[in-house]
Amino acid sequence: MKLLYEEDSWLVLINWSKPMIYENLIENESYNDDDAHLYMITGKYLNNTPKLFYIGKTYYQYVTQRLTQVDHKIRYDQLCNHYPKHTLFVSHGTIEIEEGNRTEKRVDEIERILIYSMNSDHTINKNKLCTH
């Protein structure tokens, strides 16, 4: 099968780390910070299935740095208020692109596709949902 726009497509693999408790990540950082350009915030209550809350990207900074910025602190407080019985987790996403490079534009486009395709009732990153 020949792709319609072969020069604009690439095979992408995202390796997600084991989720870490949000607060522990902020305090202790993570060895995954070195390579990750994506992160996912989920929440879990007791033994229920985790809820996807947020997918974000970083390019020039670590995930841990991104999570300590003012807008994320506000987002964290909102999640804690809306889901007080949930434990929040963060997973790091490391991107591998077959026969391609990780560029800022590609990381941004991958994030948009993830947000679009993984949209749930609990997702709070709606800015990019309709822009891809």
C-alpha atoms as a PDB file:
ATOM      1  CA  MET A   1       0.000   0.000   0.000  1.00  0.00           C
ATOM      2  CA  LYS A   2       1.379   3.375  -0.984  1.00  0.00           C
ATOM      3  CA  LEU A   3       0.682   6.255   1.367  1.00  0.00           C
ATOM      4  CA  LEU A   4      -1.057   9.279  -0.085  1.00  0.00           C
ATOM      5  CA  TYR A   5       1.421  11.754   1.377  1.00  0.00           C
ATOM      6  CA  GLU A   6       4.388   9.507   2.051  1.00  0.00           C
ATOM      7  CA  GLU A   7       6.808  12.399   2.586  1.00  0.00           C
ATOM      8  CA  ASP A   8       4.561  13.730   5.383  1.00  0.00           C
ATOM      9  CA  SER A   9       4.137  10.478   7.293  1.00  0.00           C
ATOM     10  CA  TRP A  10       6.349   8.640   9.755  1.00  0.00           C
ATOM     11  CA  LEU A  11       6.116   5.593  11.952  1.00  0.00           C
ATOM     12  CA  VAL A  12       6.117   6.644  15.612  1.00  0.00           C
ATOM     13  CA  LEU A  13       6.538   4.528  18.738  1.00  0.00           C
ATOM     14  CA  ILE A  14       5.839   6.011  22.153  1.00  0.00           C
ATOM     15  CA  ASN A  15       7.269   4.191  25.154  1.00  0.00           C
ATOM     16  CA  TRP A  16       5.291   5.142  28.264  1.00  0.00           C
ATOM     17  CA  SER A  17       6.973   4.826  31.645  1.00  0.00           C
ATOM     18  CA  LYS A  18       5.342   3.212  34.626  1.00  0.00           C
ATOM     19  CA  PRO A  19       3.115   5.850  36.276  1.00  0.00           C
ATOM     20  CA  MET A  20       4.625   7.682  39.231  1.00  0.00           C
ATOM     21  CA  ILE A  21       2.593   9.401  41.912  1.00  0.00           C
ATOM     22  CA  TYR A  22       2.450  13.077  40.920  1.00  0.00           C
ATOM     23  CA  GLU A  23       3.728  14.452  44.238  1.00  0.00           C
ATOM     24  CA  ASN A  24       6.590  11.923  44.367  1.00  0.00           C
ATOM     25  CA  LEU A  25       7.688  12.925  40.878  1.00  0.00           C
ATOM     26  CA  ILE A  26       7.816  16.604  41.831  1.00  0.00           C
ATOM     27  CA  GLU A  27       9.859  15.830  44.950  1.00  0.00           C
ATOM     28  CA  ASN A  28      12.232  13.216  43.541  1.00  0.00           C
ATOM     29  CA  GLU A  29      12.261  13.840  39.774  1.00  0.00           C
ATOM     30  CA  SER A  30      12.649  10.874  37.422  1.00  0.00           C
ATOM     31  CA  TYR A  31      15.336   9.270  35.312  1.00  0.00           C
ATOM     32  CA  ASN A  32      12.786   9.386  32.455  1.00  0.00           C
ATOM     33  CA  ASP A  33      13.052  13.191  32.350  1.00  0.00           C
ATOM     34  CA  ASP A  34      16.178  12.967  30.189  1.00  0.00           C
ATOM     35  CA  ASP A  35      14.452  11.479  27.142  1.00  0.00           C
ATOM     36  CA  ALA A  36      10.731  12.183  27.504  1.00  0.00           C
ATOM     37  CA  HIS A  37       8.950  14.712  25.302  1.00  0.00           C
ATOM     38  CA  LEU A  38       5.422  13.678  26.278  1.00  0.00           C
ATOM     39  CA  TYR A  39       3.671  13.136  29.584  1.00  0.00           C
ATOM     40  CA  MET A  40       0.300  11.860  30.651  1.00  0.00           C
ATOM     41  CA  ILE A  41      -1.575  12.679  33.856  1.00  0.00           C
ATOM     42  CA  THR A  42      -4.019  10.056  35.054  1.00  0.00           C
ATOM     43  CA  GLY A  43      -6.074   9.596  38.173  1.00  0.00           C
ATOM     44  CA  LYS A  44      -7.026   6.409  39.954  1.00  0.00           C
ATOM     45  CA  TYR A  45      -9.566   5.784  42.691  1.00  0.00           C
ATOM     46  CA  LEU A  46      -9.192   2.537  44.623  1.00  0.00           C
ATOM     47  CA  ASN A  47      -9.174  -0.405  42.170  1.00  0.00           C
ATOM     48  CA  ASN A  48     -11.117   1.379  39.437  1.00  0.00           C
ATOM     49  CA  THR A  49      -9.767   1.885  35.935  1.00  0.00           C
ATOM     50  CA  PRO A  50      -7.525   4.982  35.748  1.00  0.00           C
ATOM     51  CA  LYS A  51      -8.958   8.118  34.149  1.00  0.00           C
ATOM     52  CA  LEU A  52      -6.963  10.051  31.577  1.00  0.00           C
ATOM     53  CA  PHE A  53      -6.869  13.716  32.558  1.00  0.00           C
ATOM     54  CA  TYR A  54      -4.140  15.354  30.516  1.00  0.00           C
ATOM     55  CA  ILE A  55      -1.598  14.770  27.763  1.00  0.00           C
ATOM     56  CA  GLY A  56       1.174  17.320  27.415  1.00  0.00           C
ATOM     57  CA  LYS A  57       4.506  17.837  25.722  1.00  0.00           C
ATOM     58  CA  THR A  58       7.875  19.292  26.512  1.00  0.00           C
ATOM     59  CA  TYR A  59      10.709  19.989  24.156  1.00  0.00           C
ATOM     60  CA  TYR A  60      13.181  22.355  25.792  1.00  0.00           C
ATOM     61  CA  GLN A  61      12.601  21.334  29.401  1.00  0.00           C
ATOM     62  CA  TYR A  62      12.069  18.293  31.587  1.00  0.00           C
ATOM     63  CA  VAL A  63       8.602  17.005  32.430  1.00  0.00           C
ATOM     64  CA  THR A  64       9.293  17.692  36.103  1.00  0.00           C
ATOM     65  CA  GLN A  65      10.113  21.333  35.302  1.00  0.00           C
ATOM     66  CA  ARG A  66       6.914  21.649  33.261  1.00  0.00           C
ATOM     67  CA  LEU A  67       4.791  20.300  36.099  1.00  0.00           C
ATOM     68  CA  THR A  68       6.144  22.915  38.538  1.00  0.00           C
ATOM     69  CA  GLN A  69       5.107  25.862  36.363  1.00  0.00           C
ATOM     70  CA  VAL A  70       2.209  28.095  37.428  1.00  0.00           C
ATOM     71  CA  ASP A  71      -0.344  26.848  34.868  1.00  0.00           C
ATOM     72  CA  HIS A  72       0.294  23.240  35.876  1.00  0.00           C
ATOM     73  CA  LYS A  73       0.033  24.050  39.565  1.00  0.00           C
ATOM     74  CA  ILE A  74      -3.398  25.544  38.824  1.00  0.00           C
ATOM     75  CA  ARG A  75      -4.316  22.450  36.761  1.00  0.00           C
ATOM     76  CA  TYR A  76      -3.148  20.184  39.593  1.00  0.00           C
ATOM     77  CA  ASP A  77      -5.288  22.100  42.115  1.00  0.00           C
ATOM     78  CA  GLN A  78      -8.315  21.864  39.787  1.00  0.00           C
ATOM     79  CA  LEU A  79      -7.860  18.099  39.420  1.00  0.00           C
ATOM     80  CA  CYS A  80      -7.502  17.659  43.179  1.00  0.00           C
ATOM     81  CA  ASN A  81     -10.693  19.681  43.752  1.00  0.00           C
ATOM     82  CA  HIS A  82     -12.717  17.836  41.091  1.00  0.00           C
ATOM     83  CA  TYR A  83     -11.382  14.368  41.980  1.00  0.00           C
ATOM     84  CA  PRO A  84     -10.508  14.548  45.699  1.00  0.00           C
ATOM     85  CA  LYS A  85     -10.522  10.757  46.179  1.00  0.00           C
ATOM     86  CA  HIS A  86      -8.208  10.054  43.237  1.00  0.00           C
ATOM     87  CA  THR A  87      -4.456   9.590  43.362  1.00  0.00           C
ATOM     88  CA  LEU A  88      -2.796  11.444  40.483  1.00  0.00           C
ATOM     89  CA  PHE A  89      -0.054   9.806  38.431  1.00  0.00           C
ATOM     90  CA  VAL A  90       2.351  10.974  35.725  1.00  0.00           C
ATOM     91  CA  SER A  91       3.811   8.812  32.952  1.00  0.00           C
ATOM     92  CA  HIS A  92       6.652   9.931  30.702  1.00  0.00           C
ATOM     93  CA  GLY A  93       6.422   9.290  26.961  1.00  0.00           C
ATOM     94  CA  THR A  94       9.636   8.736  25.027  1.00  0.00           C
ATOM     95  CA  ILE A  95       9.222   9.115  21.272  1.00  0.00           C
ATOM     96  CA  GLU A  96      10.981   7.000  18.666  1.00  0.00           C
ATOM     97  CA  ILE A  97      10.507   7.911  15.002  1.00  0.00           C
ATOM     98  CA  GLU A  98      11.467   5.372  12.375  1.00  0.00           C
ATOM     99  CA  GLU A  99      13.622   6.986   9.694  1.00  0.00           C
ATOM    100  CA  GLY A 100      12.988  10.443  11.107  1.00  0.00           C
ATOM    101  CA  ASN A 101      14.085  12.943  13.702  1.00  0.00           C
ATOM    102  CA  ARG A 102      12.320  14.280  16.753  1.00  0.00           C
ATOM    103  CA  THR A 103      11.680  17.882  15.894  1.00  0.00           C
ATOM    104  CA  GLU A 104       9.665  20.387  17.871  1.00  0.00           C
ATOM    105  CA  LYS A 105       7.004  20.424  15.148  1.00  0.00           C
ATOM    106  CA  ARG A 106       6.709  16.626  15.098  1.00  0.00           C
ATOM    107  CA  VAL A 107       6.470  16.402  18.886  1.00  0.00           C
ATOM    108  CA  ASP A 108       3.702  19.012  18.763  1.00  0.00           C
ATOM    109  CA  GLU A 109       1.849  17.090  16.043  1.00  0.00           C
ATOM    110  CA  ILE A 110       2.185  13.801  17.937  1.00  0.00           C
ATOM    111  CA  GLU A 111       0.746  15.458  21.043  1.00  0.00           C
ATOM    112  CA  ARG A 112      -2.198  16.795  19.006  1.00  0.00           C
ATOM    113  CA  ILE A 113      -2.935  13.349  17.549  1.00  0.00           C
ATOM    114  CA  LEU A 114      -2.833  11.776  21.031  1.00  0.00           C
ATOM    115  CA  ILE A 115      -5.191  14.390  22.448  1.00  0.00           C
ATOM    116  CA  TYR A 116      -7.537  13.987  19.504  1.00  0.00           C
ATOM    117  CA  SER A 117      -7.548  10.187  19.559  1.00  0.00           C
ATOM    118  CA  MET A 118      -7.603   9.691  23.335  1.00  0.00           C
ATOM    119  CA  ASN A 119     -10.233  12.281  24.150  1.00  0.00           C
ATOM    120  CA  SER A 120     -12.286  11.253  27.166  1.00  0.00           C
ATOM    121  CA  ASP A 121     -14.910  12.852  29.355  1.00  0.00           C
ATOM    122  CA  HIS A 122     -12.234  13.710  31.894  1.00  0.00           C
ATOM    123  CA  THR A 123      -9.621  15.260  29.589  1.00  0.00           C
ATOM    124  CA  ILE A 124      -8.843  18.862  30.472  1.00  0.00           C
ATOM    125  CA  ASN A 125      -6.390  19.644  27.634  1.00  0.00           C
ATOM    126  CA  LYS A 126      -9.077  20.645  25.144  1.00  0.00           C
ATOM    127  CA  ASN A 127      -7.127  23.451  23.402  1.00  0.00           C
ATOM    128  CA  LYS A 128      -5.621  21.138  20.812  1.00  0.00           C
ATOM    129  CA  LEU A 129      -8.534  18.750  20.434  1.00  0.00           C
ATOM    130  CA  CYS A 130      -9.942  20.450  17.338  1.00  0.00           C
ATOM    131  CA  THR A 131      -6.740  21.914  15.904  1.00  0.00           C
ATOM    132  CA  HIS A 132      -5.148  18.879  14.316  1.00  0.00           C
END
